[in-house]
Amino acid sequence: MGMNVGSGSSSDELEVIADINTTPLIDVMLVLLIMLIITIPIQLHSVNLNLPAGNPPAPLVIPETVRINIDAAGAITWNDEAIADTGALDVRLKAAAANTAPPELHIRPDAKVPYRIVAGVMAAVQREGLTKVGLVGAEQFL
């Protein structure tokens, strides 16, 4: 950065002239531009992959789908069959977890059901170790 103090005249008033040296800024800009020009062709190269051809085999066992509905009053149904209490739900979940191919659970809560009931059902599912669980139509909880 260069700075010139005074105009060289003999007056009593000092005049300050400050000039910014932009050469280092231009140098940095040119270096970055050159780096960009060099790296763009590298990013445009493709990698050839040998992908397997053919269709994957079909699954051996198609998992069963279980619908657990929770209505606005908090009543729970298992595939449209009423469940008396949470103990009966735990028994059904335990039996489902014991299968060699555990079912996919689709939990469908009503929009007006309290969240604590839905959370209780999800906690029961987690206790039994079932992992294929989905909340269907539960946008109000997100």
Protein backbone atom coordinates (compact mmCIF):
# COMPACT_ATOMS: atom_id res chain seq x y z
CA MET A 1 0.00 0.00 0.00
CA GLY A 2 1.51 3.29 -1.04
CA MET A 3 0.92 6.61 0.59
CA ASN A 4 2.12 10.04 -0.38
CA VAL A 5 1.97 12.75 2.27
CA GLY A 6 2.08 16.31 1.02
CA SER A 7 1.97 17.80 -2.43
CA GLY A 8 5.53 19.00 -2.43
CA SER A 9 4.47 22.63 -2.21
CA SER A 10 5.68 24.93 0.49
CA SER A 11 2.24 25.81 1.87
CA ASP A 12 1.50 25.29 5.56
CA GLU A 13 -1.47 23.04 4.83
CA LEU A 14 -0.56 19.35 4.49
CA GLU A 15 -2.44 17.41 1.86
CA VAL A 16 -2.84 13.63 2.33
CA ILE A 17 -3.06 11.46 -0.77
CA ALA A 18 -3.76 7.79 -0.10
CA ASP A 19 -3.70 5.31 -2.99
CA ILE A 20 -4.51 1.64 -2.57
CA ASN A 21 -2.14 -0.74 -4.27
CA THR A 22 -4.49 -3.18 -6.05
CA THR A 23 -1.74 -5.27 -7.64
CA PRO A 24 -1.81 -8.00 -4.95
CA LEU A 25 -5.61 -8.25 -5.27
CA ILE A 26 -5.37 -8.64 -9.03
CA ASP A 27 -2.62 -11.25 -8.61
CA VAL A 28 -4.80 -13.32 -6.26
CA MET A 29 -7.74 -13.04 -8.65
CA LEU A 30 -5.63 -14.24 -11.57
CA VAL A 31 -4.27 -17.19 -9.57
CA LEU A 32 -7.81 -18.23 -8.62
CA LEU A 33 -8.93 -17.90 -12.23
CA ILE A 34 -6.05 -20.10 -13.41
CA MET A 35 -6.87 -22.70 -10.73
CA LEU A 36 -10.49 -22.71 -11.90
CA ILE A 37 -9.47 -23.18 -15.52
CA ILE A 38 -7.20 -26.08 -14.57
CA THR A 39 -9.69 -27.93 -12.33
CA ILE A 40 -12.82 -27.76 -14.51
CA PRO A 41 -11.64 -30.38 -17.07
CA ILE A 42 -10.78 -32.77 -14.22
CA GLN A 43 -14.33 -32.64 -12.90
CA LEU A 44 -15.83 -33.36 -16.32
CA HIS A 45 -14.16 -36.76 -16.70
CA SER A 46 -16.41 -39.74 -16.22
CA VAL A 47 -15.69 -43.03 -14.53
CA ASN A 48 -16.71 -46.18 -16.36
CA LEU A 49 -18.41 -48.77 -14.16
CA ASN A 50 -19.09 -52.39 -14.98
CA LEU A 51 -22.64 -52.78 -13.72
CA PRO A 52 -24.29 -56.17 -13.55
CA ALA A 53 -26.93 -56.92 -16.15
CA GLY A 54 -30.21 -58.65 -15.51
CA ASN A 55 -33.03 -58.47 -13.04
CA PRO A 56 -32.54 -59.04 -9.32
CA PRO A 57 -34.22 -62.11 -7.91
CA ALA A 58 -37.65 -61.71 -6.38
CA PRO A 59 -37.83 -61.79 -2.59
CA LEU A 60 -38.33 -65.29 -1.24
CA VAL A 61 -41.02 -64.30 1.23
CA ILE A 62 -43.28 -61.31 0.69
CA PRO A 63 -43.75 -59.69 4.10
CA GLU A 64 -47.23 -59.49 5.55
CA THR A 65 -48.67 -56.01 6.01
CA VAL A 66 -50.47 -55.27 9.27
CA ARG A 67 -52.64 -52.16 9.56
CA ILE A 68 -52.86 -50.72 13.05
CA ASN A 69 -55.58 -48.07 13.06
CA ILE A 70 -56.12 -45.64 15.92
CA ASP A 71 -59.43 -43.76 15.83
CA ALA A 72 -60.23 -40.37 17.35
CA ALA A 73 -61.37 -41.96 20.63
CA GLY A 74 -58.05 -43.84 20.96
CA ALA A 75 -59.44 -47.30 20.10
CA ILE A 76 -56.85 -49.51 18.40
CA THR A 77 -57.64 -52.03 15.66
CA TRP A 78 -55.35 -54.71 14.19
CA ASN A 79 -56.30 -55.32 10.54
CA ASP A 80 -59.80 -53.94 11.29
CA GLU A 81 -60.19 -56.23 14.33
CA ALA A 82 -60.70 -54.37 17.62
CA ILE A 83 -58.04 -54.70 20.31
CA ALA A 84 -59.34 -54.60 23.91
CA ASP A 85 -56.34 -52.95 25.60
CA THR A 86 -52.61 -52.34 25.30
CA GLY A 87 -51.89 -55.74 26.83
CA ALA A 88 -53.64 -57.45 23.93
CA LEU A 89 -51.66 -55.24 21.53
CA ASP A 90 -48.42 -56.32 23.24
CA VAL A 91 -49.39 -59.99 22.82
CA ARG A 92 -50.06 -59.52 19.10
CA LEU A 93 -46.83 -57.57 18.61
CA LYS A 94 -44.86 -60.27 20.44
CA ALA A 95 -46.38 -62.96 18.20
CA ALA A 96 -45.61 -60.88 15.09
CA ALA A 97 -42.00 -60.39 16.19
CA ALA A 98 -41.60 -64.15 16.73
CA ASN A 99 -42.35 -64.90 13.04
CA THR A 100 -39.44 -65.73 10.77
CA ALA A 101 -40.60 -62.92 8.46
CA PRO A 102 -41.84 -60.11 10.71
CA PRO A 103 -44.68 -58.08 9.18
CA GLU A 104 -44.60 -54.50 7.98
CA LEU A 105 -46.65 -52.36 10.35
CA HIS A 106 -48.67 -49.46 8.96
CA ILE A 107 -49.82 -47.30 11.85
CA ARG A 108 -52.72 -45.08 10.78
CA PRO A 109 -53.70 -42.58 13.50
CA ASP A 110 -56.75 -40.37 13.22
CA ALA A 111 -56.07 -36.64 12.95
CA LYS A 112 -57.80 -35.98 16.30
CA VAL A 113 -56.18 -38.72 18.39
CA PRO A 114 -53.83 -37.43 21.13
CA TYR A 115 -50.17 -37.92 20.37
CA ARG A 116 -49.53 -39.79 23.63
CA ILE A 117 -51.65 -42.70 22.36
CA VAL A 118 -49.72 -42.88 19.08
CA ALA A 119 -46.44 -42.63 20.98
CA GLY A 120 -47.58 -45.48 23.27
CA VAL A 121 -48.28 -47.73 20.29
CA MET A 122 -44.93 -46.86 18.73
CA ALA A 123 -43.16 -47.56 22.05
CA ALA A 124 -44.85 -50.97 22.23
CA VAL A 125 -43.69 -51.73 18.67
CA GLN A 126 -40.13 -50.72 19.58
CA ARG A 127 -40.14 -52.84 22.75
CA GLU A 128 -40.93 -55.93 20.69
CA GLY A 129 -38.10 -55.19 18.25
CA LEU A 130 -40.17 -54.69 15.10
CA THR A 131 -38.31 -52.44 12.68
CA LYS A 132 -40.49 -52.18 9.57
CA VAL A 133 -42.88 -49.51 10.80
CA GLY A 134 -44.51 -46.62 8.98
CA LEU A 135 -46.87 -43.84 10.00
CA VAL A 136 -49.45 -43.68 7.23
CA GLY A 137 -51.42 -40.46 6.91
CA ALA A 138 -49.78 -38.91 9.97
CA GLU A 139 -48.86 -35.53 8.53
CA GLN A 140 -50.37 -33.79 11.55
CA PHE A 141 -47.62 -35.25 13.78
CA LEU A 142 -44.71 -34.07 11.62
